[in-house]
Amino acid sequence: MQTNRHKLRVIAVMLILVLAVAGCSSGGQSGGSTPAPGTGSGESQAKKEKVTIEAWMLPVVSEEKWQALADRFNAEHEDIQVNMTVLPWTNGREQIKTALGAGNGPDVYYIPVGLDQDYIDAKIMPPVTTLGVTQEELDQYLPLIKTNSVDGEIYALPLAYDIVMLFVNKEILKQHGFDNPPATYDELYNMASAISQATMENGKPAVMGFQFRGMDEHLNFMNHIWETLFKAEGGDYITDGKSSINSPAGQRALSYMKKFYENNVSIPGISAIEGFENETIAMIPYIQTVASDRGWYTKEEFKDKWAMVPMPKGSVSSAGYLGGHSVAVNAKSPKAREAAVFMKWLASPEHATLWMERDLVPAHDLEKIDPAIKQQIEQMMASRAATWDSIYKQLNVNIEAGVVELQLQKRLGYTQRWNAVPNQFVAAVTGQISIEEALTQVDRQVDQGLRR
C-alpha cells in the first residue's frame, strides 16, 4: 500500500512539472512574453465587437448621399456601425423631438442651426467638449458656430448654413432701364414699381417687379422673409425677457412689405418661384439653395438670365436671415461616445463640397482648415464664382451685423412665433388688420410661450 502511495505522489509531481513547462513556453515569442490584448495573431484573439449607432437626419442632401456617407464611415471604422435613417422635412423634426422625449430616440440626430429650446430644457444634448471635441477643432469654425451655444458651451456641430439672397432676372431689369440690382430697399421698391407699372393690364402687372416668398403659396416662408427685413431694420426678437417685435424696427419692416401690395406692385398668392422661372416676376428673395435645387444653372433657356446677389440695405444694415443644419448627440444614449465619433466625422471640413453642391455655405473658416481641403473647396467655388462671391458677401454682412445674437433670441418662443407670423402678417399686408394689431398679436403669443 505504501509503495502505491509513493508512486501516486511521483506521478502528481511529474504532472505539475509538465504543466509548468508548457505554461512557460506558451508565449511562442522570443522572451516568452504573453501578447497584449488586441495584438495577438488572428484567431487566438477575439475581435472587438462593433457598436451600432442610430443616426436620424433630414434631407439636407438626398437619401442616397446620406447612405453613401454612412457606408463610407462604416468602411473606415472597424468598431462603429452607423444605421442611417432619413426623415422628411414635413415632420422629421417632430419625429426626432418626440422620440428623444420618449427616451427611445437616435444616438445622433439632425438639429437646425440655432438649436431648439425644448432640447436645451430637456438636457438632451451634452456639450461637445465633453465628447472629445477639442477647442482647437472648434476654433476652425466660422464665428456663426456660436449660434449653437448655451452659456458659452457648444452643443451641436454645424454642417452648413442657409441665407436669404436676392434673385434677379437680369434681362427684365435691363429691359426697364436697370443695369444693376438694387443696393437699398428703397431702390428695390422703386425698381419693382417701375416694372409692374410698365406692364400693368387691367390693374394687374403682366410682369411683377417683385414678389415676397411667403406672400404666395409658401406661407411659412414669411418667417424667413420677415427675419430678413426685421434684421435689416435693426430689430430684436426679445428685449428684457419679452417679445419685442412690435417695435419701430418691426413697424418699418411690415409697413415696407405692405406697400408692395396696397399699390399693386405685387399680387398676393402668385408663386414667387414659378413666376421667376417663367419670367413673369423680375426679383424674389429666397434661400440660396433654390438655384441648384430647381436646376437653374443648367436650364438652357434660363441659365444666363438670372443672378444671385446680396440683399439690399435697410435702415441699419443689409443683414438678413440665417439658418442651417447641425448634428448633435443624444445625451441619454449609452453609445454617446461612439455617436460623437460619427458627429465629428460628419461635420469635418472634408465633407464641405458635398453640402456645396446645393450652394450651402461651409461651416468652417477656410483659412484655418487643411490646405488640401481648402483647395478643393475653392476649386468648387471657382466653377460658380459670381454666385459664391455674392454668397460670401452676404454671409460676412450677416456676421458683422450680429446675426448670432438674433439667432440666440430666436430660439426663445420659436414655435409660437413660427406659427403666429404667417397668419398675422399676411392679414396685415393685405389690409385685413392693422400693422400694430398684427405685431401685438405675435408678441402676445410668443410671450405666452415664454411664460410656460
Protein backbone atom coordinates (compact mmCIF):
# COMPACT_ATOMS: atom_id res chain seq x y z
CA MET A 1 0.00 0.00 0.00
CA GLN A 2 2.82 2.38 0.91
CA THR A 3 4.52 1.64 -2.39
CA ASN A 4 1.32 2.55 -4.29
CA ARG A 5 1.02 5.84 -2.40
CA HIS A 6 4.64 6.67 -3.21
CA LYS A 7 4.01 6.02 -6.92
CA LEU A 8 0.97 8.30 -6.90
CA ARG A 9 2.98 11.14 -5.35
CA VAL A 10 5.68 10.79 -8.03
CA ILE A 11 3.14 10.84 -10.83
CA ALA A 12 1.46 14.00 -9.40
CA VAL A 13 4.78 15.83 -9.15
CA MET A 14 5.65 14.91 -12.73
CA LEU A 15 2.30 16.23 -13.97
CA ILE A 16 2.84 19.57 -12.20
CA LEU A 17 6.28 19.91 -13.77
CA VAL A 18 4.95 19.17 -17.26
CA LEU A 19 2.19 21.76 -16.93
CA ALA A 20 4.64 24.38 -15.63
CA VAL A 21 6.98 23.86 -18.58
CA ALA A 22 4.08 24.04 -21.03
CA GLY A 23 2.92 27.31 -19.46
CA CYS A 24 6.36 28.89 -19.75
CA SER A 25 6.62 28.05 -23.45
CA SER A 26 3.06 29.05 -24.43
CA GLY A 27 4.02 32.61 -25.42
CA GLY A 28 5.57 31.41 -28.66
CA GLN A 29 7.52 34.69 -28.92
CA SER A 30 11.15 35.44 -28.15
CA GLY A 31 11.40 36.19 -24.45
CA GLY A 32 8.29 34.10 -23.72
CA SER A 33 6.02 37.16 -23.10
CA THR A 34 2.22 36.98 -23.49
CA PRO A 35 0.81 39.21 -26.30
CA ALA A 36 -1.09 42.34 -25.19
CA PRO A 37 -4.86 42.29 -25.73
CA GLY A 38 -5.74 43.00 -29.35
CA THR A 39 -2.20 42.38 -30.65
CA GLY A 40 -2.18 38.59 -30.92
CA SER A 41 -2.29 36.65 -34.13
CA GLY A 42 -5.75 36.49 -35.73
CA GLU A 43 -7.75 33.52 -34.47
CA SER A 44 -6.44 33.42 -30.88
CA GLN A 45 -7.65 36.98 -30.21
CA ALA A 46 -11.36 37.85 -30.10
CA LYS A 47 -12.16 40.84 -32.28
CA LYS A 48 -13.70 43.86 -30.60
CA GLU A 49 -17.45 43.81 -31.09
CA LYS A 50 -18.88 46.60 -33.27
CA VAL A 51 -21.08 49.21 -31.63
CA THR A 52 -24.12 50.08 -33.72
CA ILE A 53 -25.48 53.61 -33.51
CA GLU A 54 -28.65 55.07 -34.98
CA ALA A 55 -28.46 58.34 -36.94
CA TRP A 56 -31.60 60.25 -37.91
CA MET A 57 -31.11 63.01 -40.48
CA LEU A 58 -33.24 65.27 -42.65
CA PRO A 59 -32.79 65.52 -46.44
CA VAL A 60 -30.11 68.21 -46.48
CA VAL A 61 -28.83 66.00 -49.30
CA SER A 62 -30.59 63.08 -50.94
CA GLU A 63 -31.21 59.82 -49.10
CA GLU A 64 -28.74 58.11 -51.42
CA LYS A 65 -25.99 60.56 -50.49
CA TRP A 66 -26.72 60.20 -46.79
CA GLN A 67 -26.44 56.43 -47.14
CA ALA A 68 -23.20 56.78 -49.08
CA LEU A 69 -21.79 58.83 -46.19
CA ALA A 70 -22.83 56.16 -43.70
CA ASP A 71 -21.32 53.41 -45.86
CA ARG A 72 -18.06 55.29 -46.10
CA PHE A 73 -17.93 55.88 -42.35
CA ASN A 74 -18.62 52.20 -41.69
CA ALA A 75 -15.82 51.18 -44.04
CA GLU A 76 -13.39 53.50 -42.28
CA HIS A 77 -14.30 52.46 -38.72
CA GLU A 78 -13.98 48.85 -37.65
CA ASP A 79 -15.57 49.30 -34.25
CA ILE A 80 -18.60 51.51 -35.05
CA GLN A 81 -21.51 50.83 -37.38
CA VAL A 82 -23.97 53.59 -38.36
CA ASN A 83 -27.56 52.85 -39.32
CA MET A 84 -28.81 55.84 -41.32
CA THR A 85 -32.44 56.96 -41.32
CA VAL A 86 -33.52 59.96 -43.42
CA LEU A 87 -36.78 61.62 -42.36
CA PRO A 88 -38.90 64.07 -44.44
CA TRP A 89 -38.83 67.84 -43.99
CA THR A 90 -42.58 67.82 -43.37
CA ASN A 91 -42.46 66.16 -39.95
CA GLY A 92 -38.91 64.93 -39.45
CA ARG A 93 -38.03 67.42 -36.74
CA GLU A 94 -41.12 66.49 -34.77
CA GLN A 95 -40.34 62.78 -35.13
CA ILE A 96 -36.86 63.34 -33.71
CA LYS A 97 -38.15 65.51 -30.87
CA THR A 98 -40.90 63.04 -29.96
CA ALA A 99 -38.55 60.06 -29.97
CA LEU A 100 -35.93 61.82 -27.87
CA GLY A 101 -38.56 62.94 -25.39
CA ALA A 102 -39.84 59.38 -25.08
CA GLY A 103 -36.35 58.08 -24.35
CA ASN A 104 -36.06 55.93 -27.47
CA GLY A 105 -34.54 58.42 -29.88
CA PRO A 106 -31.47 58.09 -32.08
CA ASP A 107 -27.90 58.26 -30.81
CA VAL A 108 -27.03 61.14 -33.15
CA TYR A 109 -29.51 63.38 -34.91
CA TYR A 110 -30.19 66.42 -37.07
CA ILE A 111 -30.91 69.73 -35.36
CA PRO A 112 -31.22 73.13 -37.04
CA VAL A 113 -28.60 75.80 -36.56
CA GLY A 114 -29.58 77.83 -33.51
CA LEU A 115 -30.69 74.72 -31.60
CA ASP A 116 -34.13 74.10 -30.10
CA GLN A 117 -35.08 75.45 -26.69
CA ASP A 118 -37.07 72.30 -25.90
CA TYR A 119 -33.91 70.22 -26.33
CA ILE A 120 -31.96 72.61 -24.16
CA ASP A 121 -34.56 72.50 -21.38
CA ALA A 122 -34.71 68.69 -21.53
CA LYS A 123 -30.89 68.45 -21.38
CA ILE A 124 -30.90 66.08 -24.35
CA MET A 125 -27.64 67.47 -25.77
CA PRO A 126 -24.28 67.29 -23.98
CA PRO A 127 -21.64 69.96 -24.63
CA VAL A 128 -19.48 68.73 -27.49
CA THR A 129 -16.31 69.33 -25.47
CA THR A 130 -17.40 66.55 -23.11
CA LEU A 131 -17.45 64.19 -26.11
CA GLY A 132 -13.91 64.61 -27.30
CA VAL A 133 -14.26 67.73 -29.45
CA THR A 134 -11.28 69.98 -28.69
CA GLN A 135 -11.20 73.76 -28.53
CA GLU A 136 -8.68 73.68 -31.37
CA GLU A 137 -11.25 71.91 -33.53
CA LEU A 138 -13.99 74.38 -32.56
CA ASP A 139 -11.71 77.29 -33.45
CA GLN A 140 -11.70 76.10 -37.07
CA TYR A 141 -15.37 77.01 -37.45
CA LEU A 142 -16.81 80.35 -38.51
CA PRO A 143 -18.00 82.59 -35.63
CA LEU A 144 -21.52 81.50 -36.55
CA ILE A 145 -20.94 78.31 -34.56
CA LYS A 146 -21.88 80.40 -31.53
CA THR A 147 -25.50 80.11 -32.67
CA ASN A 148 -25.24 76.53 -31.35
CA SER A 149 -24.14 77.65 -27.91
CA VAL A 150 -25.72 77.83 -24.47
CA ASP A 151 -23.88 79.84 -21.83
CA GLY A 152 -20.73 79.73 -23.94
CA GLU A 153 -20.74 75.94 -24.47
CA ILE A 154 -21.26 74.47 -27.96
CA TYR A 155 -23.91 71.73 -28.05
CA ALA A 156 -24.06 70.79 -31.76
CA LEU A 157 -21.65 70.90 -34.70
CA PRO A 158 -22.82 72.76 -37.80
CA LEU A 159 -22.66 71.15 -41.24
CA ALA A 160 -23.51 74.18 -43.39
CA TYR A 161 -25.53 77.40 -43.48
CA ASP A 162 -28.57 78.81 -45.31
CA ILE A 163 -29.00 82.50 -46.04
CA VAL A 164 -31.62 84.52 -47.89
CA MET A 165 -30.36 86.03 -51.13
CA LEU A 166 -31.96 88.24 -53.79
CA PHE A 167 -32.57 86.57 -57.16
CA VAL A 168 -32.92 88.89 -60.15
CA ASN A 169 -33.78 88.40 -63.80
CA LYS A 170 -31.06 90.45 -65.47
CA GLU A 171 -32.89 90.66 -68.80
CA ILE A 172 -36.11 92.03 -67.32
CA LEU A 173 -34.17 94.60 -65.31
CA LYS A 174 -32.26 95.70 -68.40
CA GLN A 175 -35.44 95.94 -70.48
CA HIS A 176 -36.71 98.51 -67.97
CA GLY A 177 -33.50 100.51 -67.81
CA PHE A 178 -31.78 98.95 -64.78
CA ASP A 179 -28.21 97.79 -65.28
CA ASN A 180 -27.58 96.75 -61.67
CA PRO A 181 -29.55 95.09 -58.90
CA PRO A 182 -30.92 97.31 -56.11
CA ALA A 183 -28.46 98.42 -53.43
CA THR A 184 -31.11 99.54 -50.93
CA TYR A 185 -34.65 98.52 -50.07
CA ASP A 186 -35.89 101.88 -51.36
CA GLU A 187 -34.24 101.15 -54.71
CA LEU A 188 -35.80 97.68 -54.70
CA TYR A 189 -39.28 99.12 -54.28
CA ASN A 190 -38.77 101.81 -56.92
CA MET A 191 -37.39 99.32 -59.47
CA ALA A 192 -40.16 96.81 -58.77
CA SER A 193 -42.81 99.53 -59.02
CA ALA A 194 -41.46 100.75 -62.35
CA ILE A 195 -41.52 97.24 -63.84
CA SER A 196 -45.02 96.47 -62.55
CA GLN A 197 -46.45 99.82 -63.67
CA ALA A 198 -44.92 99.46 -67.14
CA THR A 199 -46.61 96.07 -67.65
CA MET A 200 -49.93 96.81 -65.93
CA GLU A 201 -53.00 95.24 -67.54
CA ASN A 202 -56.46 95.71 -66.01
CA GLY A 203 -54.99 96.63 -62.65
CA LYS A 204 -52.53 93.72 -62.52
CA PRO A 205 -48.94 93.67 -63.77
CA ALA A 206 -48.17 91.17 -66.52
CA VAL A 207 -44.64 91.13 -65.12
CA MET A 208 -44.41 91.74 -61.38
CA GLY A 209 -41.33 93.64 -60.35
CA PHE A 210 -41.05 91.71 -57.10
CA GLN A 211 -42.74 89.01 -55.02
CA PHE A 212 -42.15 88.14 -51.39
CA ARG A 213 -41.82 84.42 -50.83
CA GLY A 214 -44.33 83.91 -48.03
CA MET A 215 -46.98 86.05 -49.68
CA ASP A 216 -47.58 83.19 -52.11
CA GLU A 217 -48.44 79.52 -51.54
CA HIS A 218 -45.49 79.01 -49.16
CA LEU A 219 -46.88 80.89 -46.16
CA ASN A 220 -44.33 79.56 -43.65
CA PHE A 221 -41.54 81.22 -45.59
CA MET A 222 -42.91 84.51 -44.27
CA ASN A 223 -40.83 83.74 -41.16
CA HIS A 224 -37.58 83.85 -43.14
CA ILE A 225 -38.53 86.94 -45.14
CA TRP A 226 -39.73 88.71 -42.02
CA GLU A 227 -36.46 87.97 -40.25
CA THR A 228 -34.52 89.36 -43.22
CA LEU A 229 -36.42 92.67 -43.22
CA PHE A 230 -36.51 92.84 -39.42
CA LYS A 231 -32.75 92.39 -39.11
CA ALA A 232 -32.07 94.99 -41.82
CA GLU A 233 -34.09 97.43 -39.71
CA GLY A 234 -32.11 96.59 -36.56
CA GLY A 235 -34.81 94.59 -34.79
CA ASP A 236 -34.51 92.31 -31.75
CA TYR A 237 -36.84 89.41 -31.06
CA ILE A 238 -36.50 89.56 -27.28
CA THR A 239 -35.97 92.60 -25.04
CA ASP A 240 -35.90 92.33 -21.23
CA GLY A 241 -37.29 88.82 -21.41
CA LYS A 242 -40.31 89.72 -23.57
CA SER A 243 -41.12 89.52 -27.26
CA SER A 244 -40.29 92.85 -28.92
CA ILE A 245 -41.50 92.52 -32.50
CA ASN A 246 -43.89 95.45 -32.03
CA SER A 247 -41.09 98.00 -32.19
CA PRO A 248 -40.05 100.76 -34.59
CA ALA A 249 -37.98 98.18 -36.48
CA GLY A 250 -40.92 95.80 -36.70
CA GLN A 251 -43.31 98.52 -37.82
CA ARG A 252 -40.92 99.71 -40.55
CA ALA A 253 -40.34 96.17 -41.82
CA LEU A 254 -44.01 95.18 -42.01
CA SER A 255 -45.07 98.57 -43.44
CA TYR A 256 -42.45 98.17 -46.17
CA MET A 257 -43.86 94.79 -47.11
CA LYS A 258 -47.42 96.09 -47.15
CA LYS A 259 -46.52 98.91 -49.55
CA PHE A 260 -45.95 96.43 -52.39
CA TYR A 261 -49.46 95.00 -52.15
CA GLU A 262 -51.52 98.09 -51.46
CA ASN A 263 -50.05 99.73 -54.58
CA ASN A 264 -50.41 96.66 -56.85
CA VAL A 265 -46.67 96.35 -57.33
CA SER A 266 -47.09 92.75 -56.19
CA ILE A 267 -50.11 90.44 -56.12
CA PRO A 268 -50.62 88.05 -53.20
CA GLY A 269 -50.93 84.34 -53.91
CA ILE A 270 -48.83 84.18 -57.08
CA SER A 271 -45.94 81.71 -56.68
CA ALA A 272 -42.63 83.52 -56.40
CA ILE A 273 -40.62 80.51 -57.62
CA GLU A 274 -42.82 79.65 -60.59
CA GLY A 275 -43.20 83.30 -61.55
CA PHE A 276 -39.45 83.79 -61.51
CA GLU A 277 -38.91 80.69 -63.61
CA ASN A 278 -41.48 81.64 -66.24
CA GLU A 279 -40.19 85.23 -66.24
CA THR A 280 -43.37 86.91 -65.02
CA ILE A 281 -41.60 88.07 -61.82
CA ALA A 282 -38.38 90.06 -62.00
CA MET A 283 -37.00 89.67 -58.46
CA ILE A 284 -37.55 87.36 -55.50
CA PRO A 285 -35.83 86.76 -52.14
CA TYR A 286 -35.13 83.13 -51.30
CA ILE A 287 -32.72 80.66 -49.70
CA GLN A 288 -29.60 80.30 -51.84
CA THR A 289 -30.17 76.56 -52.45
CA VAL A 290 -33.16 77.15 -54.74
CA ALA A 291 -30.97 77.67 -57.82
CA SER A 292 -29.34 74.27 -57.54
CA ASP A 293 -32.48 72.52 -56.36
CA ARG A 294 -34.52 73.83 -59.30
CA GLY A 295 -31.80 73.30 -61.90
CA TRP A 296 -31.37 76.96 -62.84
CA TYR A 297 -27.65 76.50 -63.52
CA THR A 298 -28.34 74.07 -66.33
CA LYS A 299 -31.65 75.19 -67.90
CA GLU A 300 -30.58 76.32 -71.34
CA GLU A 301 -33.33 78.88 -71.79
CA PHE A 302 -32.82 80.36 -68.33
CA LYS A 303 -29.27 79.80 -67.03
CA ASP A 304 -27.82 83.08 -68.38
CA LYS A 305 -30.77 85.28 -67.47
CA TRP A 306 -30.69 85.19 -63.68
CA ALA A 307 -28.24 86.17 -60.94
CA MET A 308 -27.99 85.62 -57.18
CA VAL A 309 -26.96 88.84 -55.40
CA PRO A 310 -26.70 90.11 -51.80
CA MET A 311 -29.78 91.58 -50.13
CA PRO A 312 -30.27 95.36 -50.28
CA LYS A 313 -29.52 97.65 -47.35
CA GLY A 314 -32.26 98.64 -44.93
CA SER A 315 -32.22 101.43 -42.38
CA VAL A 316 -29.46 99.73 -40.39
CA SER A 317 -27.76 97.04 -42.47
CA SER A 318 -28.01 94.52 -45.31
CA ALA A 319 -28.12 91.60 -42.90
CA GLY A 320 -30.85 89.01 -43.08
CA TYR A 321 -31.99 85.50 -42.34
CA LEU A 322 -29.52 82.86 -41.22
CA GLY A 323 -30.37 79.19 -40.95
CA GLY A 324 -28.59 75.92 -41.45
CA HIS A 325 -28.03 72.34 -40.48
CA SER A 326 -26.28 70.76 -37.50
CA VAL A 327 -25.77 67.40 -35.80
CA ALA A 328 -25.95 66.62 -32.10
CA VAL A 329 -25.55 63.62 -29.81
CA ASN A 330 -28.27 62.20 -27.58
CA ALA A 331 -27.08 62.83 -24.02
CA LYS A 332 -29.13 59.86 -22.79
CA SER A 333 -27.59 57.40 -25.24
CA PRO A 334 -25.33 54.70 -23.75
CA LYS A 335 -23.37 54.99 -27.00
CA ALA A 336 -22.77 58.75 -26.80
CA ARG A 337 -19.00 58.37 -27.24
CA GLU A 338 -19.38 56.37 -30.43
CA ALA A 339 -22.09 58.74 -31.66
CA ALA A 340 -19.70 61.65 -31.10
CA VAL A 341 -17.11 59.99 -33.34
CA PHE A 342 -19.66 59.99 -36.16
CA MET A 343 -20.76 63.57 -35.37
CA LYS A 344 -17.18 64.85 -35.62
CA TRP A 345 -16.53 62.89 -38.79
CA LEU A 346 -19.73 64.10 -40.46
CA ALA A 347 -19.13 67.75 -39.54
CA SER A 348 -15.49 67.75 -40.66
CA PRO A 349 -14.44 70.13 -43.47
CA GLU A 350 -13.68 67.24 -45.82
CA HIS A 351 -17.43 66.94 -46.47
CA ALA A 352 -17.96 70.63 -47.28
CA THR A 353 -18.02 70.06 -51.03
CA LEU A 354 -20.99 67.71 -50.64
CA TRP A 355 -23.11 70.41 -48.99
CA MET A 356 -21.79 72.94 -51.52
CA GLU A 357 -23.44 71.02 -54.35
CA ARG A 358 -26.61 72.79 -53.15
CA ASP A 359 -24.77 76.11 -52.56
CA LEU A 360 -24.87 75.56 -48.79
CA VAL A 361 -22.20 77.64 -47.06
CA PRO A 362 -19.31 75.66 -45.49
CA ALA A 363 -19.32 75.91 -41.71
CA HIS A 364 -15.56 76.28 -41.35
CA ASP A 365 -13.20 79.23 -41.69
CA LEU A 366 -11.33 78.31 -44.87
CA GLU A 367 -8.15 79.94 -43.59
CA LYS A 368 -8.00 77.52 -40.65
CA ILE A 369 -8.52 74.16 -42.31
CA ASP A 370 -6.18 71.75 -44.09
CA PRO A 371 -4.76 73.47 -47.23
CA ALA A 372 -5.61 70.49 -49.43
CA ILE A 373 -9.28 70.59 -48.36
CA LYS A 374 -9.34 74.37 -48.77
CA GLN A 375 -8.09 73.94 -52.32
CA GLN A 376 -10.91 71.50 -53.14
CA ILE A 377 -13.48 73.96 -51.76
CA GLU A 378 -12.00 76.89 -53.67
CA GLN A 379 -11.96 74.90 -56.89
CA MET A 380 -15.66 74.20 -56.47
CA MET A 381 -16.34 77.87 -55.77
CA ALA A 382 -14.46 78.85 -58.92
CA SER A 383 -16.96 76.90 -61.01
CA ARG A 384 -19.68 79.35 -59.82
CA ALA A 385 -17.50 82.32 -58.99
CA ALA A 386 -20.14 85.07 -59.20
CA THR A 387 -22.60 83.09 -57.08
CA TRP A 388 -20.09 82.27 -54.35
CA ASP A 389 -18.76 85.82 -54.29
CA SER A 390 -22.32 87.06 -53.62
CA ILE A 391 -22.99 84.38 -51.01
CA TYR A 392 -19.87 85.21 -49.02
CA LYS A 393 -20.57 88.94 -49.21
CA GLN A 394 -23.99 88.32 -47.68
CA LEU A 395 -22.57 85.91 -45.13
CA ASN A 396 -19.95 88.40 -43.95
CA VAL A 397 -22.56 91.15 -43.66
CA ASN A 398 -24.69 88.84 -41.51
CA ILE A 399 -21.74 88.06 -39.24
CA GLU A 400 -20.69 91.71 -38.89
CA ALA A 401 -24.26 92.83 -38.16
CA GLY A 402 -24.56 90.48 -35.20
CA VAL A 403 -26.90 87.85 -36.63
CA VAL A 404 -25.63 85.41 -33.99
CA GLU A 405 -27.38 87.38 -31.25
CA LEU A 406 -30.65 87.37 -33.18
CA GLN A 407 -30.35 83.59 -33.59
CA LEU A 408 -29.90 83.13 -29.84
CA GLN A 409 -33.01 85.24 -29.25
CA LYS A 410 -35.00 83.42 -31.92
CA ARG A 411 -34.94 80.08 -30.11
CA LEU A 412 -36.98 81.67 -27.30
CA GLY A 413 -40.66 81.38 -28.19
CA TYR A 414 -39.69 79.93 -31.56
CA THR A 415 -42.70 77.66 -32.10
CA GLN A 416 -45.23 80.31 -31.09
CA ARG A 417 -43.56 82.91 -33.32
CA TRP A 418 -43.28 80.50 -36.25
CA ASN A 419 -46.98 79.71 -36.09
CA ALA A 420 -48.17 83.28 -35.49
CA VAL A 421 -46.14 85.25 -38.04
CA PRO A 422 -47.63 83.89 -41.31
CA ASN A 423 -51.28 84.32 -40.33
CA GLN A 424 -50.91 87.70 -38.64
CA PHE A 425 -48.56 89.26 -41.16
CA VAL A 426 -50.39 88.12 -44.30
CA ALA A 427 -53.55 89.61 -42.79
CA ALA A 428 -51.72 92.89 -42.10
CA VAL A 429 -50.09 93.10 -45.52
CA THR A 430 -53.44 92.53 -47.27
CA GLY A 431 -55.16 95.15 -45.10
CA GLN A 432 -57.39 92.83 -43.06
CA ILE A 433 -55.87 94.01 -39.78
CA SER A 434 -53.55 96.88 -38.86
CA ILE A 435 -49.78 96.66 -38.65
CA GLU A 436 -49.98 97.44 -34.95
CA GLU A 437 -52.52 94.69 -34.29
CA ALA A 438 -50.51 92.06 -36.18
CA LEU A 439 -47.29 92.83 -34.33
CA THR A 440 -49.07 92.95 -30.98
CA GLN A 441 -50.74 89.59 -31.59
CA VAL A 442 -47.41 87.93 -32.38
CA ASP A 443 -45.81 89.42 -29.28
CA ARG A 444 -48.71 88.21 -27.17
CA GLN A 445 -48.50 84.64 -28.45
CA VAL A 446 -44.72 84.49 -28.05
CA ASP A 447 -44.93 85.86 -24.51
CA GLN A 448 -47.45 83.16 -23.62
CA GLY A 449 -44.91 80.58 -24.74
CA LEU A 450 -42.12 82.25 -22.77
CA ARG A 451 -44.16 82.09 -19.55
CA ARG A 452 -44.67 78.32 -19.78
